[in-house]
Protein backbone atom coordinates (compact mmCIF):
# COMPACT_ATOMS: atom_id res chain seq x y z
CA MET A 1 -14.48 17.46 13.20
CA SER A 2 -16.21 14.33 11.83
CA VAL A 3 -17.97 13.97 8.96
CA ALA A 4 -19.74 11.38 7.18
CA LEU A 5 -19.08 10.99 3.04
CA ARG A 6 -19.96 9.00 0.19
CA LEU A 7 -17.04 8.72 -2.41
CA ALA A 8 -18.27 8.12 -5.99
CA VAL A 9 -16.67 5.15 -7.53
CA THR A 10 -17.41 3.31 -11.04
CA PRO A 11 -18.44 -0.07 -10.34
CA PRO A 12 -17.68 -2.72 -10.26
CA LEU A 13 -15.66 -2.26 -6.82
CA ALA A 14 -13.89 -5.91 -6.20
CA THR A 15 -14.34 -5.33 -2.11
CA ALA A 16 -13.34 -8.88 -0.64
CA PRO A 17 -9.66 -8.52 -1.55
CA MET A 18 -9.56 -4.78 -0.86
CA LEU A 19 -10.66 -5.64 2.74
CA ALA A 20 -8.65 -8.98 2.93
CA ALA A 21 -5.21 -7.05 2.07
CA LEU A 22 -6.14 -4.14 4.28
CA ARG A 23 -6.63 -6.91 7.10
CA SER A 24 -3.72 -9.20 6.73
CA HIS A 25 -1.58 -5.87 6.50
CA THR A 26 -3.37 -3.89 9.39
CA VAL A 27 -0.72 -2.28 11.85
CA ALA A 28 -1.51 -2.18 15.20
CA GLY A 29 -1.76 1.00 17.05
CA LEU A 30 -2.07 2.68 13.29
CA GLU A 31 -5.05 0.78 11.98
CA ARG A 32 -8.23 -0.87 13.38
CA HIS A 33 -9.83 -3.72 11.19
CA ASP A 34 -13.20 -4.84 11.79
CA ALA A 35 -13.96 -8.19 9.34
CA ALA A 36 -17.75 -8.50 11.26
CA THR A 37 -18.86 -5.03 9.63
CA GLY A 38 -16.31 -4.68 6.86
CA THR A 39 -14.56 -1.78 8.18
CA HIS A 40 -10.68 -0.49 8.31
CA VAL A 41 -9.83 2.64 9.90
CA ARG A 42 -6.57 4.29 9.93
CA SER A 43 -4.94 7.21 11.49
CA VAL A 44 -3.40 9.85 8.93
CA ARG A 45 -1.47 12.77 9.26
CA GLY A 46 -2.73 15.90 8.12
CA ARG A 47 -1.30 19.34 7.65
CA HIS A 48 -3.12 20.84 10.81
CA GLY A 49 -2.84 17.81 13.29
CA PRO A 50 -3.74 13.90 12.98
CA ALA A 51 -6.55 12.86 11.62
CA VAL A 52 -8.59 9.11 11.23
CA VAL A 53 -10.24 7.87 8.37
CA ALA A 54 -12.73 4.91 8.68
CA ILE A 55 -13.73 3.27 5.29
CA ARG A 56 -16.68 0.78 4.83
CA PRO A 57 -16.81 -0.54 0.89
CA ARG A 58 -19.30 -2.15 -0.36
CA PRO A 59 -19.62 -4.30 -3.46
CA ALA A 60 -21.65 -3.32 -6.63
CA ALA A 61 -21.95 0.43 -4.99
CA GLU A 62 -21.41 3.78 -6.69
CA HIS A 63 -20.60 5.33 -3.07
CA VAL A 64 -17.89 4.33 -0.56
CA PRO A 65 -18.92 5.46 2.91
CA ILE A 66 -16.22 6.99 4.70
CA ARG A 67 -15.74 8.87 7.99
CA ILE A 68 -13.37 11.89 8.51
CA ASP A 69 -12.01 12.89 11.76
CA ALA A 70 -9.74 15.83 11.30
CA ASP A 71 -9.47 19.70 11.46
CA ARG A 72 -12.21 20.87 9.18
CA ARG A 73 -9.17 22.65 7.16
CA ASP A 74 -7.59 19.15 6.40
CA LEU A 75 -10.93 17.46 5.16
CA PRO A 76 -10.86 18.34 1.11
CA GLU A 77 -7.14 16.66 1.28
CA VAL A 78 -7.93 13.76 3.43
CA GLU A 79 -10.75 12.87 0.86
CA GLN A 80 -8.72 13.08 -2.04
CA LEU A 81 -5.83 11.05 -0.04
CA VAL A 82 -8.69 8.23 0.59
CA ARG A 83 -9.69 8.32 -3.18
CA ARG A 84 -5.78 7.72 -3.96
CA TRP A 85 -5.46 5.20 -1.36
CA LEU A 86 -8.52 2.92 -2.50
CA ASP A 87 -7.73 3.90 -6.36
CA LEU A 88 -11.47 4.93 -6.69
CA ASP A 89 -10.89 6.71 -9.88
CA ALA A 90 -10.04 3.68 -11.65
CA GLU A 91 -11.45 3.02 -14.67
CA PRO A 92 -12.56 -0.68 -14.25
CA ALA A 93 -14.36 -1.57 -17.77
CA VAL A 94 -11.35 -0.38 -19.16
CA ILE A 95 -8.83 -2.43 -17.26
CA ASP A 96 -10.91 -5.58 -16.90
CA ALA A 97 -11.59 -5.67 -20.76
CA ALA A 98 -7.66 -5.10 -21.79
CA LEU A 99 -6.71 -8.11 -19.22
CA GLY A 100 -9.49 -10.21 -19.50
CA ALA A 101 -8.25 -10.98 -23.07
CA ASP A 102 -5.25 -12.51 -21.55
CA PRO A 103 -6.28 -16.29 -21.29
CA GLN A 104 -4.46 -16.60 -17.95
CA LEU A 105 -5.92 -13.65 -16.24
CA ALA A 106 -9.35 -14.27 -17.77
CA ARG A 107 -10.76 -16.11 -14.78
CA MET A 108 -9.26 -14.02 -12.62
CA VAL A 109 -10.60 -11.19 -14.04
CA ALA A 110 -13.76 -12.53 -13.99
CA ALA A 111 -13.75 -13.45 -10.43
CA ARG A 112 -12.61 -10.22 -9.35
CA PRO A 113 -14.07 -7.62 -11.52
CA GLY A 114 -13.05 -4.11 -10.68
CA LEU A 115 -9.49 -4.93 -8.85
CA ARG A 116 -8.31 -1.79 -7.51
CA VAL A 117 -4.57 -1.22 -6.90
CA LEU A 118 -4.20 -0.04 -3.12
CA GLY A 119 -1.99 3.08 -2.80
CA THR A 120 -0.81 5.10 -0.11
CA THR A 121 -1.69 7.69 2.68
CA ASP A 122 1.89 8.18 3.25
CA TRP A 123 4.46 7.41 0.94
CA PHE A 124 7.24 7.15 3.78
CA ASP A 125 5.14 4.84 5.79
CA THR A 126 4.40 2.58 2.61
CA ALA A 127 8.01 2.56 1.70
CA VAL A 128 9.32 1.76 5.56
CA GLN A 129 6.59 -0.77 5.53
CA THR A 130 8.00 -2.26 2.32
CA VAL A 131 11.53 -2.53 4.35
CA LEU A 132 10.07 -4.15 7.00
CA GLY A 133 8.15 -6.82 4.49
CA GLN A 134 11.70 -7.74 2.43
CA GLN A 135 12.15 -11.39 3.37
CA VAL A 136 9.59 -12.29 5.55
CA SER A 137 5.59 -12.80 5.94
CA VAL A 138 3.33 -10.38 5.89
CA ALA A 139 2.15 -11.32 9.51
CA ALA A 140 6.25 -10.60 10.36
CA ALA A 141 5.99 -7.39 8.81
CA ALA A 142 2.92 -6.03 10.26
CA THR A 143 4.44 -7.01 13.85
CA PHE A 144 7.47 -5.10 13.15
CA ALA A 145 5.68 -2.08 11.91
CA GLY A 146 3.68 -2.16 14.95
CA ARG A 147 6.52 -1.96 17.43
CA LEU A 148 8.00 0.79 15.33
CA VAL A 149 4.68 2.66 15.63
CA ALA A 150 4.60 1.91 19.32
CA ARG A 151 8.08 3.15 20.10
CA TYR A 152 8.38 6.20 17.38
CA GLY A 153 5.09 7.19 16.38
CA ASP A 154 3.43 10.41 17.41
CA PRO A 155 0.01 10.85 18.89
CA GLY A 156 -3.26 10.39 17.05
CA SER A 157 -6.43 10.96 17.65
CA GLY A 158 -7.96 9.38 20.37
CA ALA A 159 -6.18 6.09 21.10
CA MET A 160 -4.56 5.71 17.83
CA ARG A 161 -0.91 6.78 16.72
CA CYS A 162 0.50 8.31 13.44
CA PHE A 163 3.16 6.67 11.45
CA PRO A 164 6.64 7.96 13.01
CA ALA A 165 7.72 10.88 10.80
CA PRO A 166 11.02 10.72 8.76
CA GLU A 167 12.76 13.46 11.14
CA ARG A 168 11.77 11.11 13.95
CA LEU A 169 13.70 8.03 12.60
CA ALA A 170 16.35 9.57 11.20
CA ALA A 171 17.27 10.35 14.61
CA ALA A 172 16.94 7.08 16.15
CA ASP A 173 19.80 5.29 17.63
CA ALA A 174 20.44 2.12 15.82
CA ASP A 175 20.87 -0.14 18.67
CA GLU A 176 18.08 0.90 20.21
CA MET A 177 15.90 0.72 17.22
CA GLN A 178 17.28 -3.08 16.88
CA GLY A 179 16.05 -3.93 20.18
CA ALA A 180 12.98 -1.97 20.00
CA VAL A 181 11.64 -3.69 16.82
CA GLY A 182 13.64 -6.94 16.61
CA LEU A 183 15.03 -6.03 13.33
CA THR A 184 17.93 -7.20 12.12
CA ARG A 185 21.21 -4.81 11.39
CA ALA A 186 20.94 -4.60 8.11
CA ARG A 187 17.40 -4.08 8.08
CA VAL A 188 17.72 -1.04 10.63
CA ARG A 189 20.23 0.62 8.12
CA THR A 190 17.97 0.70 5.16
CA VAL A 191 15.07 2.02 7.76
CA LEU A 192 17.65 4.86 9.01
CA ALA A 193 19.04 5.51 5.26
CA LEU A 194 15.62 5.78 4.09
CA ALA A 195 14.37 8.09 6.83
CA ARG A 196 17.02 10.14 6.63
CA ALA A 197 16.30 10.61 2.81
CA ALA A 198 13.16 11.44 3.37
CA ALA A 199 14.08 13.87 6.03
CA ASP A 200 16.71 15.48 3.72
CA GLY A 201 13.99 16.10 0.50
CA LEU A 202 13.15 12.58 -0.77
CA ASP A 203 10.31 13.26 -2.70
CA PRO A 204 7.73 11.08 -4.74
CA ALA A 205 6.57 14.56 -6.54
CA GLU A 206 9.71 14.05 -8.87
CA PRO A 207 9.20 10.58 -10.05
CA VAL A 208 12.25 9.73 -12.16
CA ARG A 209 14.38 11.24 -9.50
CA PHE A 210 12.30 9.28 -6.75
CA ARG A 211 13.35 6.12 -8.27
CA THR A 212 16.94 6.92 -9.10
CA ASP A 213 17.47 8.16 -5.19
CA LEU A 214 15.67 5.07 -3.63
CA ALA A 215 17.68 2.82 -5.34
CA ALA A 216 21.04 3.96 -4.17
CA LEU A 217 19.96 3.51 -0.48
CA PRO A 218 21.45 0.60 0.88
CA GLY A 219 19.02 -2.15 1.18
CA ILE A 220 16.70 -1.07 -1.61
CA GLY A 221 16.88 -2.99 -4.65
CA PRO A 222 14.74 -3.11 -7.90
CA TRP A 223 11.86 -4.98 -6.10
CA SER A 224 11.67 -2.13 -3.49
CA VAL A 225 11.90 0.59 -6.07
CA ASP A 226 9.33 -1.21 -8.65
CA TYR A 227 6.83 -2.36 -5.57
CA LEU A 228 6.67 1.30 -4.29
CA ALA A 229 6.36 2.81 -7.82
CA VAL A 230 3.35 1.09 -7.89
CA ARG A 231 1.91 2.00 -4.48
CA VAL A 232 3.12 5.68 -3.98
CA LEU A 233 3.80 6.70 -7.68
CA GLY A 234 0.58 5.11 -8.67
CA ASP A 235 1.87 4.12 -11.97
CA ARG A 236 -0.14 1.69 -13.13
CA ASP A 237 2.14 0.29 -15.53
CA ALA A 238 5.06 -0.25 -13.10
CA TYR A 239 5.26 -3.71 -12.45
CA PRO A 240 8.04 -5.74 -9.88
CA ALA A 241 8.76 -8.67 -12.38
CA GLY A 242 11.43 -9.57 -9.45
CA ASP A 243 8.63 -10.67 -7.19
CA LEU A 244 8.57 -14.30 -5.93
CA VAL A 245 4.81 -14.82 -5.37
CA LEU A 246 3.92 -12.97 -8.77
CA ARG A 247 6.79 -15.57 -11.06
CA ARG A 248 4.71 -18.18 -9.03
CA ALA A 249 1.69 -17.47 -10.12
CA LEU A 250 2.92 -16.68 -13.60
CA GLY A 251 4.55 -20.42 -13.56
CA VAL A 252 8.17 -19.09 -14.42
CA GLY A 253 11.57 -18.91 -13.03
CA SER A 254 13.22 -15.30 -13.25
CA ALA A 255 12.33 -11.46 -13.89
CA ARG A 256 13.45 -11.90 -17.74
CA GLU A 257 10.83 -14.22 -18.32
CA ALA A 258 7.67 -12.32 -16.07
CA THR A 259 8.90 -9.49 -17.86
CA ALA A 260 8.41 -11.02 -21.12
CA ARG A 261 5.11 -12.38 -20.21
CA ALA A 262 3.61 -9.05 -18.80
CA ARG A 263 4.18 -7.20 -22.22
CA GLN A 264 0.61 -7.57 -23.34
CA TRP A 265 -0.51 -6.18 -20.29
CA SER A 266 0.77 -2.94 -20.47
CA PRO A 267 -0.14 -0.15 -19.44
CA TRP A 268 -1.90 -2.25 -16.91
CA ARG A 269 0.41 -4.09 -15.90
CA ALA A 270 0.29 -3.00 -11.99
CA TYR A 271 -3.41 -4.42 -12.20
CA ALA A 272 -2.06 -7.63 -13.32
CA ALA A 273 0.54 -7.74 -10.42
CA PHE A 274 -2.67 -6.81 -8.34
CA HIS A 275 -4.40 -10.09 -9.85
CA LEU A 276 -1.86 -12.32 -9.62
CA TRP A 277 -0.97 -11.51 -5.91
CA THR A 278 -4.57 -11.86 -5.06
CA HIS A 279 -5.01 -15.12 -6.51
CA ALA A 280 -1.98 -16.69 -4.97
CA ALA A 281 -3.25 -15.22 -1.70
CA TYR A 282 -6.86 -15.99 -1.52
CA GLY A 283 -7.24 -18.55 -4.62
CA SER A 284 -10.64 -19.34 -5.41
CA SER A 285 -11.89 -17.62 -2.01
CA SER A 286 -14.77 -15.00 -2.68
CA PRO A 287 -14.22 -12.30 -5.19
């Protein structure tokens, strides 16, 4: 079933950085991005079968047009999934006022009012892609993810595929994955450990335990845990202080300094991190 919806959002909505981030992280087979129309299409899993969502956010609008192709029974859940993914329930006036009071962030907030923190449509997908992105470029991570989807993904709607289920990756052969995806042996070990943990019940519905269990996996360090707290848990005060790009944007040399610098941004440190990342990635380009 295909339906067109208009999801309510409190303006402003910084659409350019949202679309730029989605474009740069697009995974072939799983997603499509049309820069000319500002449309992003993504395959997701519904409870009753694969679904596809297409979003077309517009600046200054009070609604985000989307189209969902899914089993009718999955429509309400997929709609809420999109809301969380795009952070449409944020209160930009409150957040921008708090961060805009900081001299270092003021110009960034003024340039991109209503900047949202992108979440996830599938926590396992985002966790695996976070592992794939460790110590490589965004483009390389997207290439690895595309190969993973092509080799292990499940059929989606139309020509698209769904991200591999944890059980599928947990049963994969390490040598085969390394050859098919092009990962290092250490990275394969982490992906397999994460898949096995997810198949065994690792669940973001229990945030404290989720963070503890993630940190216990090989190859998952503090940066990955903090980053996934932002993207997966929706913790708007989570802050990956060890992130190199973030530290460079702040002009500090250590995670401790980055943490101290961010103290006054609480409880909106995740938004501050996204402002700093966006500024580092796009500089003075359009908001």
